[in-house]
């Protein structure tokens, strides 16, 4: 039998010379293969929470609107503002519950190693930007409620509202900030400074102006403003744990914010409107335009003068 040396060489090469593709690892060294992408998305608990809060905001809006129908137009200012707050929140939660108002923030985390090249971990976290749109509209209205209750002047009211908008927008910028740079926490620091400006206007100026309206109004303002500030202080804490350091899951973030939103909007609104109905000192005189429109502004109305 004739042996073909080419066949022998092929068999020897295939059996002994070609290395196997079985991956190996050395203890103490990071794996050579890239790390899988870590996806931090909303789960079933988060989705259910979004729908529940949407329903609660709709119910609160309907309740506040019904309460406004029981009082004259001249006394509906707080009702109108508070109803708008919960309507905007309901729209925001509907958007988030249906999968809109969200974006994916890609984060690349670098791991430094001593004896081998650095490795990286890619994280994709879901950020609900609809929440920031909600806050940028509703928190100024909440401040407007408190400012009118205290009797703040226009200058202090405007500064508090501007600081509030800055706080929300810089919080949004921080949520999409780059990892490992001063950018992310720089925006967060600006947001915290803006929040301190809001606190200063409410605690110092608001409290002083509320005392002018009487002890009852002052006591109520201190109670409801203090409640609001405690709730609002929890927001940046949750942000730091969730979007900031990503130590909280997206579902946990949604549930935490949901509890705070319920306290800051429906609970706040119900407390304000029920107390306002029992405390005439909290009424705000907006003149004839609010009740009668421009066409009758300045006209003599029944009850305006003694001789009417």
Protein backbone atom coordinates (compact mmCIF):
# COMPACT_ATOMS: atom_id res chain seq x y z
CA UNK A 1 0.00 0.00 0.00
CA UNK A 2 1.26 3.40 -0.96
CA UNK A 3 1.09 6.05 1.80
CA UNK A 4 0.49 9.56 0.63
CA UNK A 5 2.67 11.91 2.71
CA UNK A 6 0.27 14.80 2.08
CA UNK A 7 -2.59 12.95 3.80
CA UNK A 8 -0.37 12.11 6.75
CA UNK A 9 0.65 15.76 7.08
CA UNK A 10 -2.99 16.92 7.01
CA UNK A 11 -4.03 14.46 9.73
CA UNK A 12 -1.08 15.37 11.92
CA UNK A 13 -1.65 19.08 11.46
CA UNK A 14 -5.38 18.88 12.18
CA UNK A 15 -4.88 16.72 15.24
CA UNK A 16 -1.89 18.35 16.87
CA UNK A 17 -0.92 21.67 15.29
CA UNK A 18 -4.22 23.64 15.14
CA UNK A 19 -5.07 25.15 18.55
CA UNK A 20 -8.55 24.61 19.94
CA UNK A 21 -11.04 27.50 20.30
CA UNK A 22 -11.88 26.70 23.90
CA UNK A 23 -11.56 29.96 25.88
CA UNK A 24 -9.31 29.88 28.88
CA UNK A 25 -8.94 32.25 31.78
CA UNK A 26 -6.12 32.92 34.16
CA UNK A 27 -7.03 33.39 37.84
CA UNK A 28 -6.51 36.99 38.99
CA UNK A 29 -6.76 38.49 35.50
CA UNK A 30 -9.87 40.06 33.91
CA UNK A 31 -11.50 38.10 31.07
CA UNK A 32 -10.28 38.84 27.59
CA UNK A 33 -13.78 38.86 26.11
CA UNK A 34 -15.67 42.17 26.44
CA UNK A 35 -18.21 42.49 29.23
CA UNK A 36 -21.86 42.21 28.19
CA UNK A 37 -23.95 45.36 28.01
CA UNK A 38 -25.83 46.03 31.24
CA UNK A 39 -29.39 47.16 30.48
CA UNK A 40 -31.30 49.04 33.18
CA UNK A 41 -34.85 49.29 31.87
CA UNK A 42 -38.31 49.53 33.41
CA UNK A 43 -39.91 46.27 34.51
CA UNK A 44 -43.45 45.13 35.24
CA UNK A 45 -43.54 46.74 38.69
CA UNK A 46 -42.52 50.08 37.25
CA UNK A 47 -45.08 49.91 34.45
CA UNK A 48 -47.89 49.09 36.87
CA UNK A 49 -46.83 51.96 39.11
CA UNK A 50 -46.95 54.43 36.22
CA UNK A 51 -50.51 53.39 35.35
CA UNK A 52 -51.66 53.57 38.98
CA UNK A 53 -50.29 57.10 39.42
CA UNK A 54 -51.86 58.16 36.11
CA UNK A 55 -55.28 57.06 37.39
CA UNK A 56 -54.73 58.81 40.74
CA UNK A 57 -53.78 62.05 38.99
CA UNK A 58 -56.92 61.89 36.82
CA UNK A 59 -59.10 61.32 39.90
CA UNK A 60 -57.41 64.20 41.72
CA UNK A 61 -57.93 66.50 38.72
CA UNK A 62 -61.61 65.65 38.57
CA UNK A 63 -61.99 66.16 42.32
CA UNK A 64 -60.24 69.55 42.30
CA UNK A 65 -62.32 70.70 39.32
CA UNK A 66 -65.50 69.67 41.11
CA UNK A 67 -64.40 71.60 44.20
CA UNK A 68 -63.90 74.71 42.06
CA UNK A 69 -67.51 74.59 40.82
CA UNK A 70 -68.75 75.05 44.38
CA UNK A 71 -67.13 78.49 44.80
CA UNK A 72 -67.46 81.76 42.86
CA UNK A 73 -65.06 82.45 40.01
CA UNK A 74 -63.32 85.13 42.07
CA UNK A 75 -62.26 82.48 44.60
CA UNK A 76 -61.12 79.79 42.14
CA UNK A 77 -57.51 80.86 41.68
CA UNK A 78 -56.01 78.14 43.88
CA UNK A 79 -58.43 75.60 42.39
CA UNK A 80 -57.44 76.43 38.83
CA UNK A 81 -53.70 76.31 39.53
CA UNK A 82 -53.92 73.08 41.52
CA UNK A 83 -56.11 71.36 38.93
CA UNK A 84 -53.67 72.28 36.16
CA UNK A 85 -50.85 70.76 38.22
CA UNK A 86 -52.51 67.34 38.46
CA UNK A 87 -53.66 67.43 34.81
CA UNK A 88 -50.07 67.98 33.64
CA UNK A 89 -48.89 65.19 35.95
CA UNK A 90 -51.57 62.85 34.55
CA UNK A 91 -50.43 63.56 30.98
CA UNK A 92 -46.82 62.95 31.96
CA UNK A 93 -47.57 59.62 33.62
CA UNK A 94 -49.72 58.53 30.67
CA UNK A 95 -46.78 59.26 28.36
CA UNK A 96 -44.37 57.27 30.52
CA UNK A 97 -46.82 54.39 31.03
CA UNK A 98 -47.31 54.02 27.27
CA UNK A 99 -43.58 53.99 26.57
CA UNK A 100 -43.16 57.59 25.44
CA UNK A 101 -41.15 60.40 26.96
CA UNK A 102 -38.14 58.17 27.52
CA UNK A 103 -34.58 57.91 26.18
CA UNK A 104 -31.63 55.57 26.64
CA UNK A 105 -28.55 57.03 28.28
CA UNK A 106 -25.41 55.13 27.26
CA UNK A 107 -22.74 55.06 29.95
CA UNK A 108 -19.24 53.64 29.47
CA UNK A 109 -17.50 52.77 32.72
CA UNK A 110 -13.71 52.32 32.71
CA UNK A 111 -12.05 49.72 34.94
CA UNK A 112 -8.34 50.32 35.53
CA UNK A 113 -6.13 47.23 35.84
CA UNK A 114 -2.51 47.01 36.97
CA UNK A 115 -1.01 44.40 34.67
CA UNK A 116 -3.37 44.24 31.71
CA UNK A 117 -5.12 46.82 29.53
CA UNK A 118 -8.10 48.63 31.03
CA UNK A 119 -11.51 47.11 30.52
CA UNK A 120 -14.88 48.82 30.04
CA UNK A 121 -18.46 48.13 30.97
CA UNK A 122 -21.29 49.53 28.86
CA UNK A 123 -24.48 50.49 30.72
CA UNK A 124 -27.73 51.47 29.04
CA UNK A 125 -30.12 53.15 31.49
CA UNK A 126 -33.62 54.31 30.69
CA UNK A 127 -34.21 57.96 31.52
CA UNK A 128 -37.76 59.32 31.58
CA UNK A 129 -37.35 62.86 30.30
CA UNK A 130 -41.15 63.32 30.39
CA UNK A 131 -40.78 63.49 34.17
CA UNK A 132 -38.56 66.57 33.86
CA UNK A 133 -41.03 68.22 31.48
CA UNK A 134 -43.72 67.58 34.09
CA UNK A 135 -41.63 69.07 36.89
CA UNK A 136 -40.62 72.12 34.81
CA UNK A 137 -44.31 73.00 34.45
CA UNK A 138 -45.85 71.82 37.72
CA UNK A 139 -43.27 72.91 40.29
CA UNK A 140 -43.48 76.60 39.22
CA UNK A 141 -47.26 76.32 39.64
CA UNK A 142 -46.78 74.79 43.08
CA UNK A 143 -44.52 77.69 43.96
CA UNK A 144 -47.14 80.08 42.63
CA UNK A 145 -49.70 78.54 44.99
CA UNK A 146 -47.37 78.99 47.95
CA UNK A 147 -46.32 82.49 46.88
CA UNK A 148 -49.92 83.67 46.59
CA UNK A 149 -50.75 82.08 49.92
CA UNK A 150 -47.89 83.93 51.62
CA UNK A 151 -48.47 87.17 49.72
CA UNK A 152 -45.00 87.35 48.18
CA UNK A 153 -44.31 90.36 45.99
CA UNK A 154 -43.73 89.97 42.27
CA UNK A 155 -39.93 90.26 42.46
CA UNK A 156 -39.49 87.46 45.00
CA UNK A 157 -42.09 85.32 43.27
CA UNK A 158 -40.34 85.65 39.91
CA UNK A 159 -36.91 84.85 41.35
CA UNK A 160 -38.23 81.74 43.11
CA UNK A 161 -39.90 80.48 39.93
CA UNK A 162 -36.83 81.15 37.77
CA UNK A 163 -34.63 79.33 40.28
CA UNK A 164 -37.07 76.43 40.17
CA UNK A 165 -36.92 76.16 36.36
CA UNK A 166 -33.10 76.27 36.52
CA UNK A 167 -33.16 73.49 39.12
CA UNK A 168 -35.28 71.21 36.92
CA UNK A 169 -33.39 71.85 33.67
CA UNK A 170 -29.96 71.34 35.22
CA UNK A 171 -31.26 68.13 36.79
CA UNK A 172 -32.21 66.94 33.30
CA UNK A 173 -28.76 67.87 31.95
CA UNK A 174 -27.17 65.98 34.83
CA UNK A 175 -29.23 62.86 34.07
CA UNK A 176 -27.67 62.73 30.58
CA UNK A 177 -24.22 63.91 31.72
CA UNK A 178 -21.02 62.12 30.78
CA UNK A 179 -19.61 59.59 33.21
CA UNK A 180 -16.25 60.20 34.85
CA UNK A 181 -16.23 63.96 34.18
CA UNK A 182 -17.18 66.96 36.33
CA UNK A 183 -20.06 67.64 33.94
CA UNK A 184 -22.66 65.35 35.52
CA UNK A 185 -22.16 66.37 39.13
CA UNK A 186 -21.49 69.98 38.12
CA UNK A 187 -25.05 70.23 36.78
CA UNK A 188 -26.29 68.51 39.92
CA UNK A 189 -24.48 71.08 42.10
CA UNK A 190 -26.08 73.96 40.15
CA UNK A 191 -29.49 72.37 40.68
CA UNK A 192 -28.87 72.13 44.43
CA UNK A 193 -27.80 75.80 44.60
CA UNK A 194 -30.99 76.81 42.75
CA UNK A 195 -32.99 74.79 45.26
CA UNK A 196 -31.37 76.71 48.12
CA UNK A 197 -32.54 79.95 46.47
CA UNK A 198 -36.11 78.59 46.47
CA UNK A 199 -35.83 77.65 50.14
CA UNK A 200 -34.54 81.12 51.01
CA UNK A 201 -37.49 82.83 49.29
CA UNK A 202 -40.08 80.60 50.94
CA UNK A 203 -38.58 80.39 54.42
CA UNK A 204 -37.39 83.99 54.79
CA UNK A 205 -39.54 86.15 52.52
CA UNK A 206 -42.61 83.93 52.40
CA UNK A 207 -42.82 83.45 56.14
CA UNK A 208 -42.42 87.20 56.78
CA UNK A 209 -45.16 88.09 54.29
CA UNK A 210 -47.52 85.42 55.63
CA UNK A 211 -47.34 86.95 59.12
CA UNK A 212 -48.77 90.16 57.70
CA UNK A 213 -51.97 88.26 56.78
CA UNK A 214 -52.42 87.06 60.36
CA UNK A 215 -51.43 84.23 62.64
CA UNK A 216 -53.80 81.71 61.07
CA UNK A 217 -52.41 82.23 57.57
CA UNK A 218 -48.85 82.26 58.88
CA UNK A 219 -49.32 78.96 60.74
CA UNK A 220 -50.91 77.33 57.71
CA UNK A 221 -48.20 78.62 55.36
CA UNK A 222 -45.41 77.35 57.63
CA UNK A 223 -47.06 73.93 57.81
CA UNK A 224 -47.78 73.43 54.10
CA UNK A 225 -44.53 75.09 52.92
CA UNK A 226 -42.53 72.98 55.38
CA UNK A 227 -44.28 69.85 54.13
CA UNK A 228 -43.49 70.82 50.53
CA UNK A 229 -39.82 71.49 51.24
CA UNK A 230 -39.41 68.15 53.04
CA UNK A 231 -40.93 66.31 50.07
CA UNK A 232 -38.92 68.32 47.55
CA UNK A 233 -35.68 67.63 49.46
CA UNK A 234 -36.22 63.91 48.89
CA UNK A 235 -36.18 64.36 45.09
CA UNK A 236 -32.44 65.17 44.73
CA UNK A 237 -31.65 62.36 47.17
CA UNK A 238 -33.52 59.87 44.99
CA UNK A 239 -31.85 61.35 41.91
CA UNK A 240 -28.39 60.84 43.39
CA UNK A 241 -29.13 57.19 44.18
CA UNK A 242 -30.90 56.47 40.87
CA UNK A 243 -29.77 58.47 37.84
CA UNK A 244 -26.68 59.77 39.61
CA UNK A 245 -24.92 56.65 40.91
CA UNK A 246 -27.32 54.01 39.46
CA UNK A 247 -27.52 52.16 42.78
CA UNK A 248 -31.31 52.04 42.46
CA UNK A 249 -33.11 50.14 39.73
CA UNK A 250 -35.37 51.91 37.25
CA UNK A 251 -38.40 50.28 38.89
CA UNK A 252 -37.25 51.46 42.32
CA UNK A 253 -36.73 54.96 40.93
CA UNK A 254 -40.25 55.02 39.44
CA UNK A 255 -41.86 53.86 42.70
CA UNK A 256 -39.90 56.38 44.79
CA UNK A 257 -40.76 59.29 42.50
CA UNK A 258 -44.39 58.14 42.34
CA UNK A 259 -44.75 58.37 46.13
CA UNK A 260 -43.17 61.84 46.14
CA UNK A 261 -45.34 63.05 43.24
CA UNK A 262 -48.51 61.91 45.01
CA UNK A 263 -47.49 63.75 48.16
CA UNK A 264 -46.35 66.88 46.30
CA UNK A 265 -49.44 67.19 44.06
CA UNK A 266 -52.74 65.50 45.05
CA UNK A 267 -52.05 65.53 48.80
CA UNK A 268 -50.68 69.08 48.69
CA UNK A 269 -53.60 70.23 46.54
CA UNK A 270 -56.29 68.66 48.72
CA UNK A 271 -54.74 70.16 51.86
CA UNK A 272 -54.50 73.60 50.27
CA UNK A 273 -58.01 73.71 48.82
CA UNK A 274 -59.78 72.31 51.90
CA UNK A 275 -58.00 74.75 54.22
CA UNK A 276 -58.50 77.64 51.81
CA UNK A 277 -62.27 77.03 51.87
CA UNK A 278 -62.27 77.40 55.67
CA UNK A 279 -59.92 80.39 55.82
CA UNK A 280 -61.18 83.57 54.09
CA UNK A 281 -57.89 85.28 54.91
CA UNK A 282 -56.21 83.26 52.16
CA UNK A 283 -58.33 84.80 49.39
CA UNK A 284 -56.46 86.63 46.64
CA UNK A 285 -57.97 89.72 45.03
CA UNK A 286 -57.13 89.69 41.31
CA UNK A 287 -59.46 92.49 40.27
CA UNK A 288 -62.26 92.45 37.73
CA UNK A 289 -60.37 90.78 34.87
CA UNK A 290 -60.22 87.38 36.56
CA UNK A 291 -63.96 87.27 37.13
CA UNK A 292 -65.46 89.43 34.37
CA UNK A 293 -62.88 89.69 31.55
CA UNK A 294 -61.44 92.70 29.74
CA UNK A 295 -64.75 93.84 28.23
CA UNK A 296 -66.13 94.73 31.68
CA UNK A 297 -62.88 95.72 33.37
CA UNK A 298 -63.41 99.02 35.19
CA UNK A 299 -67.19 98.96 34.77
CA UNK A 300 -69.40 99.57 37.76
CA UNK A 301 -70.73 96.28 39.11
CA UNK A 302 -73.36 95.51 41.71
CA UNK A 303 -71.80 95.49 45.11
CA UNK A 304 -68.66 97.39 44.11
CA UNK A 305 -69.79 100.67 45.72
CA UNK A 306 -72.21 101.48 48.47
CA UNK A 307 -74.41 103.42 46.08
CA UNK A 308 -74.74 100.59 43.57
